[in-house]
Amino acid sequence: TVDSFHVFKSSEPEMMDLGKRKLTEKKSNSKIKELNRQIE
């Protein structure tokens, strides 16, 4: 169980990075949509 716990702990930051990346992608996508709306 110790090994699996260690693996889980080491993979946690990666999951956090993935979530942050998804959030920034959503934000940038919404910004692009706003810019496109302004151009129209």
C-alpha atoms as a PDB file:
ATOM      1  CA  THR A   1       0.000   0.000   0.000  1.00  0.00           C
ATOM      2  CA  VAL A   2       2.921   2.330   0.655  1.00  0.00           C
ATOM      3  CA  ASP A   3       4.116   2.038  -2.942  1.00  0.00           C
ATOM      4  CA  SER A   4       0.698   2.774  -4.421  1.00  0.00           C
ATOM      5  CA  PHE A   5       0.285   5.724  -2.033  1.00  0.00           C
ATOM      6  CA  HIS A   6       3.647   7.125  -3.127  1.00  0.00           C
ATOM      7  CA  VAL A   7       2.663   6.792  -6.776  1.00  0.00           C
ATOM      8  CA  PHE A   8      -0.632   8.558  -6.100  1.00  0.00           C
ATOM      9  CA  LYS A   9       1.143  11.395  -4.293  1.00  0.00           C
ATOM     10  CA  SER A  10       3.687  11.849  -7.083  1.00  0.00           C
ATOM     11  CA  SER A  11       0.945  11.920  -9.746  1.00  0.00           C
ATOM     12  CA  GLU A  12      -1.157  14.458  -7.837  1.00  0.00           C
ATOM     13  CA  PRO A  13       0.786  17.569  -9.017  1.00  0.00           C
ATOM     14  CA  GLU A  14       0.451  16.369 -12.598  1.00  0.00           C
ATOM     15  CA  MET A  15      -3.316  16.200 -12.184  1.00  0.00           C
ATOM     16  CA  MET A  16      -3.288  19.710 -10.721  1.00  0.00           C
ATOM     17  CA  ASP A  17      -1.256  20.984 -13.685  1.00  0.00           C
ATOM     18  CA  LEU A  18      -3.721  19.325 -16.063  1.00  0.00           C
ATOM     19  CA  GLY A  19      -6.647  21.026 -14.319  1.00  0.00           C
ATOM     20  CA  LYS A  20      -4.919  24.413 -14.419  1.00  0.00           C
ATOM     21  CA  ARG A  21      -4.093  23.926 -18.091  1.00  0.00           C
ATOM     22  CA  LYS A  22      -7.754  23.138 -18.811  1.00  0.00           C
ATOM     23  CA  LEU A  23      -8.820  26.275 -16.939  1.00  0.00           C
ATOM     24  CA  THR A  24      -6.382  28.513 -18.826  1.00  0.00           C
ATOM     25  CA  GLU A  25      -7.531  26.946 -22.105  1.00  0.00           C
ATOM     26  CA  LYS A  26     -11.144  27.760 -21.239  1.00  0.00           C
ATOM     27  CA  LYS A  27     -10.201  31.353 -20.333  1.00  0.00           C
ATOM     28  CA  SER A  28      -8.201  31.894 -23.524  1.00  0.00           C
ATOM     29  CA  ASN A  29     -10.989  30.355 -25.618  1.00  0.00           C
ATOM     30  CA  SER A  30     -13.559  32.718 -24.084  1.00  0.00           C
ATOM     31  CA  LYS A  31     -11.228  35.673 -24.700  1.00  0.00           C
ATOM     32  CA  ILE A  32     -10.842  34.648 -28.344  1.00  0.00           C
ATOM     33  CA  LYS A  33     -14.626  34.386 -28.678  1.00  0.00           C
ATOM     34  CA  GLU A  34     -15.018  37.877 -27.204  1.00  0.00           C
ATOM     35  CA  LEU A  35     -12.444  39.284 -29.642  1.00  0.00           C
ATOM     36  CA  ASN A  36     -14.200  37.611 -32.574  1.00  0.00           C
ATOM     37  CA  ARG A  37     -17.496  39.098 -31.399  1.00  0.00           C
ATOM     38  CA  GLN A  38     -15.909  42.569 -31.253  1.00  0.00           C
ATOM     39  CA  ILE A  39     -14.486  42.155 -34.778  1.00  0.00           C
ATOM     40  CA  GLU A  40     -17.921  41.213 -36.100  1.00  0.00           C
END
